[in-house]
N, C-alpha and C. Protein backbone atom coordinates (compact mmCIF):
# COMPACT_ATOMS: atom_id res chain seq x y z
N UNK A 1 26.97 34.75 43.91
CA UNK A 1 27.08 35.29 42.55
C UNK A 1 26.49 36.67 42.51
N UNK A 2 27.20 37.59 41.89
CA UNK A 2 26.70 38.96 41.78
C UNK A 2 25.96 39.19 40.55
N UNK A 3 24.87 39.92 40.65
CA UNK A 3 23.97 40.22 39.48
C UNK A 3 24.52 41.49 38.88
N UNK A 4 24.56 41.44 37.53
CA UNK A 4 24.94 42.58 36.73
C UNK A 4 23.96 43.69 36.80
N UNK A 5 24.31 44.87 37.14
CA UNK A 5 23.32 45.99 37.21
C UNK A 5 22.61 46.27 35.89
N UNK A 6 23.28 46.05 34.79
CA UNK A 6 22.64 46.16 33.45
C UNK A 6 21.51 45.19 33.32
N UNK A 7 21.66 44.02 33.81
CA UNK A 7 20.58 43.00 33.75
C UNK A 7 19.48 43.38 34.57
N UNK A 8 19.65 43.98 35.76
CA UNK A 8 18.63 44.44 36.62
C UNK A 8 17.78 45.52 35.90
N UNK A 9 18.48 46.47 35.28
CA UNK A 9 17.82 47.53 34.49
C UNK A 9 17.00 46.99 33.38
N UNK A 10 17.57 46.01 32.63
CA UNK A 10 16.83 45.41 31.53
C UNK A 10 15.62 44.62 32.05
N UNK A 11 15.74 44.01 33.19
CA UNK A 11 14.67 43.26 33.73
C UNK A 11 13.51 44.14 34.14
N UNK A 12 13.78 45.30 34.70
CA UNK A 12 12.76 46.22 35.14
C UNK A 12 12.18 46.93 33.97
N UNK A 13 13.02 47.42 32.98
CA UNK A 13 12.50 48.35 31.93
C UNK A 13 12.42 47.67 30.62
N UNK A 14 12.80 46.41 30.40
CA UNK A 14 12.87 45.77 29.15
C UNK A 14 11.58 45.33 28.56
N UNK A 15 10.47 45.43 29.28
CA UNK A 15 9.17 44.99 28.75
C UNK A 15 8.70 45.83 27.61
N UNK A 16 7.89 45.29 26.80
CA UNK A 16 7.29 46.01 25.65
C UNK A 16 6.64 47.31 26.08
N UNK A 17 7.04 48.41 25.56
CA UNK A 17 6.48 49.72 25.79
C UNK A 17 6.79 50.39 27.06
N UNK A 18 7.54 49.70 27.99
CA UNK A 18 7.82 50.35 29.28
C UNK A 18 8.54 51.69 29.19
N UNK A 19 9.65 51.75 28.41
CA UNK A 19 10.39 52.98 28.27
C UNK A 19 9.59 54.07 27.53
N UNK A 20 8.78 53.65 26.64
CA UNK A 20 7.85 54.65 25.97
C UNK A 20 6.92 55.23 27.03
N UNK A 21 6.38 54.43 27.85
CA UNK A 21 5.46 54.91 28.86
C UNK A 21 6.14 55.82 29.80
N UNK A 22 7.36 55.53 30.22
CA UNK A 22 8.15 56.35 31.09
C UNK A 22 8.42 57.71 30.40
N UNK A 23 8.74 57.62 29.10
CA UNK A 23 8.93 58.85 28.33
C UNK A 23 7.74 59.80 28.39
N UNK A 24 6.58 59.30 28.16
CA UNK A 24 5.37 60.05 28.23
C UNK A 24 5.03 60.51 29.64
N UNK A 25 5.30 59.74 30.58
CA UNK A 25 5.01 60.22 31.91
C UNK A 25 6.05 61.23 32.49
N UNK A 26 7.20 61.32 31.87
CA UNK A 26 8.09 62.34 32.23
C UNK A 26 7.52 63.77 31.92
N UNK A 27 6.54 63.80 31.04
CA UNK A 27 5.88 65.07 30.67
C UNK A 27 4.82 65.38 31.65
N UNK A 28 4.48 64.45 32.56
CA UNK A 28 3.46 64.75 33.60
C UNK A 28 2.51 63.60 33.79
N UNK A 29 1.57 63.79 34.75
CA UNK A 29 0.61 62.72 35.07
C UNK A 29 -0.35 62.51 33.90
N UNK A 30 -0.66 61.28 33.72
CA UNK A 30 -1.56 60.92 32.51
C UNK A 30 -2.65 59.92 32.98
N UNK A 31 -3.75 60.04 32.33
CA UNK A 31 -4.80 59.04 32.59
C UNK A 31 -4.57 57.81 31.67
N UNK A 32 -5.20 56.74 31.91
CA UNK A 32 -5.05 55.55 31.08
C UNK A 32 -5.33 55.82 29.59
N UNK A 33 -6.51 56.48 29.39
CA UNK A 33 -6.87 56.81 28.00
C UNK A 33 -5.90 57.63 27.23
N UNK A 34 -5.29 58.64 27.96
CA UNK A 34 -4.26 59.42 27.36
C UNK A 34 -3.09 58.60 26.94
N UNK A 35 -2.63 57.68 27.79
CA UNK A 35 -1.52 56.81 27.48
C UNK A 35 -1.89 55.87 26.34
N UNK A 36 -3.07 55.45 26.29
CA UNK A 36 -3.53 54.58 25.10
C UNK A 36 -3.48 55.31 23.86
N UNK A 37 -3.89 56.63 23.85
CA UNK A 37 -3.77 57.43 22.61
C UNK A 37 -2.34 57.76 22.29
N UNK A 38 -1.46 57.99 23.31
CA UNK A 38 -0.10 58.31 22.96
C UNK A 38 0.72 57.13 22.43
N UNK A 39 0.27 55.90 22.80
CA UNK A 39 0.95 54.73 22.32
C UNK A 39 -0.03 53.84 21.59
N UNK A 40 -0.46 54.26 20.42
CA UNK A 40 -1.62 53.60 19.76
C UNK A 40 -1.33 52.14 19.29
N UNK A 41 -0.06 51.75 19.19
CA UNK A 41 0.15 50.38 18.77
C UNK A 41 0.02 49.36 19.81
N UNK A 42 -0.02 49.79 21.14
CA UNK A 42 -0.12 48.86 22.22
C UNK A 42 -1.63 48.50 22.45
N UNK A 43 -1.87 47.19 22.73
CA UNK A 43 -3.24 46.84 22.98
C UNK A 43 -3.49 47.10 24.47
N UNK A 44 -4.80 47.21 24.80
CA UNK A 44 -5.16 47.47 26.17
C UNK A 44 -4.67 46.60 27.24
N UNK A 45 -4.66 45.26 26.91
CA UNK A 45 -4.18 44.24 27.83
C UNK A 45 -2.73 44.44 28.18
N UNK A 46 -1.95 44.66 27.13
CA UNK A 46 -0.50 44.83 27.31
C UNK A 46 -0.20 46.13 28.03
N UNK A 47 -0.92 47.21 27.70
CA UNK A 47 -0.72 48.47 28.40
C UNK A 47 -0.96 48.30 29.89
N UNK A 48 -2.08 47.70 30.20
CA UNK A 48 -2.40 47.42 31.65
C UNK A 48 -1.34 46.64 32.36
N UNK A 49 -0.89 45.58 31.68
CA UNK A 49 0.15 44.73 32.30
C UNK A 49 1.47 45.51 32.48
N UNK A 50 1.89 46.29 31.48
CA UNK A 50 3.08 47.10 31.61
C UNK A 50 3.01 48.14 32.74
N UNK A 51 1.87 48.76 32.82
CA UNK A 51 1.71 49.79 33.91
C UNK A 51 1.67 49.09 35.28
N UNK A 52 1.08 47.96 35.39
CA UNK A 52 1.16 47.26 36.68
C UNK A 52 2.55 46.83 37.06
N UNK A 53 3.32 46.37 36.11
CA UNK A 53 4.70 45.90 36.39
C UNK A 53 5.51 47.14 36.79
N UNK A 54 5.34 48.21 36.10
CA UNK A 54 6.09 49.41 36.45
C UNK A 54 5.73 49.93 37.83
N UNK A 55 4.43 49.71 38.19
CA UNK A 55 3.94 50.07 39.53
C UNK A 55 4.59 49.15 40.61
N UNK A 56 4.57 47.92 40.30
CA UNK A 56 5.10 46.90 41.22
C UNK A 56 6.66 47.12 41.48
N UNK A 57 7.37 47.68 40.51
CA UNK A 57 8.77 47.92 40.60
C UNK A 57 9.10 49.32 41.15
N UNK A 58 7.97 50.12 41.45
CA UNK A 58 8.30 51.40 42.11
C UNK A 58 8.63 52.50 41.13
N UNK A 59 8.31 52.30 39.87
CA UNK A 59 8.62 53.32 38.78
C UNK A 59 7.47 54.25 38.56
N UNK A 60 6.29 53.70 38.70
CA UNK A 60 5.02 54.42 38.43
C UNK A 60 4.17 54.36 39.65
N UNK A 61 3.48 55.47 39.90
CA UNK A 61 2.50 55.50 40.96
C UNK A 61 1.05 55.60 40.28
N UNK A 62 0.06 54.82 40.92
CA UNK A 62 -1.27 54.73 40.32
C UNK A 62 -2.18 55.34 41.38
N UNK A 63 -2.99 56.34 40.98
CA UNK A 63 -3.93 56.92 41.88
C UNK A 63 -5.32 56.78 41.39
N UNK A 64 -6.22 56.18 42.21
CA UNK A 64 -7.64 55.98 41.83
C UNK A 64 -8.38 56.96 42.61
N UNK A 65 -9.25 57.72 41.92
CA UNK A 65 -10.14 58.65 42.54
C UNK A 65 -11.53 58.10 42.69
N UNK A 66 -12.15 58.16 43.87
CA UNK A 66 -13.51 57.69 44.05
C UNK A 66 -14.60 58.46 43.40
N UNK A 67 -14.69 58.39 42.13
CA UNK A 67 -15.68 59.14 41.24
C UNK A 67 -16.31 58.14 40.35
N UNK A 68 -17.48 58.68 39.84
CA UNK A 68 -18.19 57.83 38.79
C UNK A 68 -18.25 58.67 37.57
N UNK A 69 -17.69 58.22 36.47
CA UNK A 69 -16.90 56.99 36.39
C UNK A 69 -15.56 57.10 37.05
N UNK A 70 -14.92 56.04 37.36
CA UNK A 70 -13.64 56.06 38.08
C UNK A 70 -12.56 56.80 37.30
N UNK A 71 -11.73 57.55 38.00
CA UNK A 71 -10.66 58.24 37.38
C UNK A 71 -9.38 57.62 37.90
N UNK A 72 -8.53 57.19 37.02
CA UNK A 72 -7.20 56.64 37.43
C UNK A 72 -6.09 57.37 36.71
N UNK A 73 -5.12 57.86 37.48
CA UNK A 73 -4.04 58.57 37.00
C UNK A 73 -2.74 57.91 37.24
N UNK A 74 -1.77 58.02 36.33
CA UNK A 74 -0.47 57.41 36.48
C UNK A 74 0.57 58.61 36.48
N UNK A 75 1.53 58.47 37.34
CA UNK A 75 2.66 59.35 37.39
C UNK A 75 3.92 58.63 37.76
N UNK A 76 5.05 59.27 37.57
CA UNK A 76 6.35 58.69 37.94
C UNK A 76 6.62 58.94 39.41
N UNK A 77 7.14 57.94 39.98
CA UNK A 77 7.72 58.13 41.34
C UNK A 77 9.07 58.82 41.28
N UNK A 78 9.71 59.07 42.42
CA UNK A 78 11.06 59.71 42.41
C UNK A 78 12.01 58.74 41.62
N UNK A 79 11.83 57.43 41.86
CA UNK A 79 12.70 56.48 41.10
C UNK A 79 12.42 56.56 39.64
N UNK A 80 11.17 56.67 39.25
CA UNK A 80 10.80 56.80 37.80
C UNK A 80 11.40 58.05 37.22
N UNK A 81 11.33 59.25 37.96
CA UNK A 81 11.88 60.46 37.43
C UNK A 81 13.35 60.42 37.32
N UNK A 82 14.05 59.56 38.10
CA UNK A 82 15.45 59.38 37.99
C UNK A 82 15.92 58.85 36.62
N UNK A 83 14.97 58.28 35.91
CA UNK A 83 15.26 57.71 34.58
C UNK A 83 15.29 58.79 33.50
N UNK A 84 14.95 59.97 33.82
CA UNK A 84 14.86 61.01 32.82
C UNK A 84 16.15 61.16 31.90
N UNK A 85 17.30 61.25 32.48
CA UNK A 85 18.45 61.45 31.61
C UNK A 85 18.69 60.21 30.68
N UNK A 86 18.42 59.01 31.19
CA UNK A 86 18.56 57.79 30.44
C UNK A 86 17.54 57.73 29.30
N UNK A 87 16.26 58.04 29.55
CA UNK A 87 15.22 57.93 28.58
C UNK A 87 15.48 59.06 27.44
N UNK A 88 15.93 60.21 27.92
CA UNK A 88 16.16 61.35 26.96
C UNK A 88 17.35 60.99 26.07
N UNK A 89 18.34 60.31 26.63
CA UNK A 89 19.54 59.94 25.81
C UNK A 89 19.18 58.86 24.80
N UNK A 90 18.33 57.90 25.29
CA UNK A 90 17.89 56.84 24.44
C UNK A 90 16.97 57.38 23.27
N UNK A 91 16.14 58.42 23.65
CA UNK A 91 15.24 58.94 22.64
C UNK A 91 16.09 59.70 21.59
N UNK A 92 17.12 60.43 22.05
CA UNK A 92 17.96 61.13 21.04
C UNK A 92 18.82 60.19 20.21
N UNK A 93 19.29 59.11 20.82
CA UNK A 93 20.03 58.09 20.05
C UNK A 93 19.15 57.42 19.01
N UNK A 94 17.92 57.05 19.44
CA UNK A 94 17.01 56.40 18.53
C UNK A 94 16.63 57.35 17.31
N UNK A 95 16.41 58.66 17.60
CA UNK A 95 16.16 59.57 16.45
C UNK A 95 17.30 59.64 15.54
N UNK A 96 18.54 59.68 16.07
CA UNK A 96 19.74 59.75 15.28
C UNK A 96 19.91 58.51 14.44
N UNK A 97 19.70 57.43 15.05
CA UNK A 97 19.87 56.16 14.45
C UNK A 97 18.84 56.00 13.26
N UNK A 98 17.60 56.35 13.50
CA UNK A 98 16.57 56.29 12.50
C UNK A 98 16.88 57.23 11.30
N UNK A 99 17.40 58.45 11.59
CA UNK A 99 17.77 59.39 10.52
C UNK A 99 18.94 58.85 9.68
N UNK A 100 19.76 58.01 10.25
CA UNK A 100 20.92 57.51 9.48
C UNK A 100 20.54 56.45 8.47
N UNK A 101 19.46 55.81 8.73
CA UNK A 101 19.08 54.69 7.85
C UNK A 101 19.82 53.43 8.14
N UNK A 102 19.65 52.39 7.22
CA UNK A 102 20.35 51.06 7.52
C UNK A 102 21.85 51.26 7.55
N UNK A 103 22.47 50.51 8.41
CA UNK A 103 24.01 50.53 8.53
C UNK A 103 24.56 49.91 7.27
N UNK A 104 25.70 50.45 6.87
CA UNK A 104 26.47 49.92 5.79
C UNK A 104 27.33 48.85 6.24
N UNK A 105 27.43 47.81 5.56
CA UNK A 105 28.27 46.71 5.97
C UNK A 105 29.50 46.59 5.14
């Protein structure tokens, strides 16, 4: 049985906040606290889980610096950066959809 590529994409990126995190990481490397401030509705546990899953899937790279206090930075891998046109298109579509208001039936 062949797996639908759309289902693979949804499986990897369909978690709560994942595409939002990728959108912010397209702007450059971010620390955990920065991401937390950029996505204020996400709780810390969910943010941590989503970043770990993105790291496991090869979308995000996590760098820990041996400092006190510890500094952890997140950035996109080459695979993560390849999502740029998709995320930008979805962002534009979402903005347009929001501006239109509820659909007329």
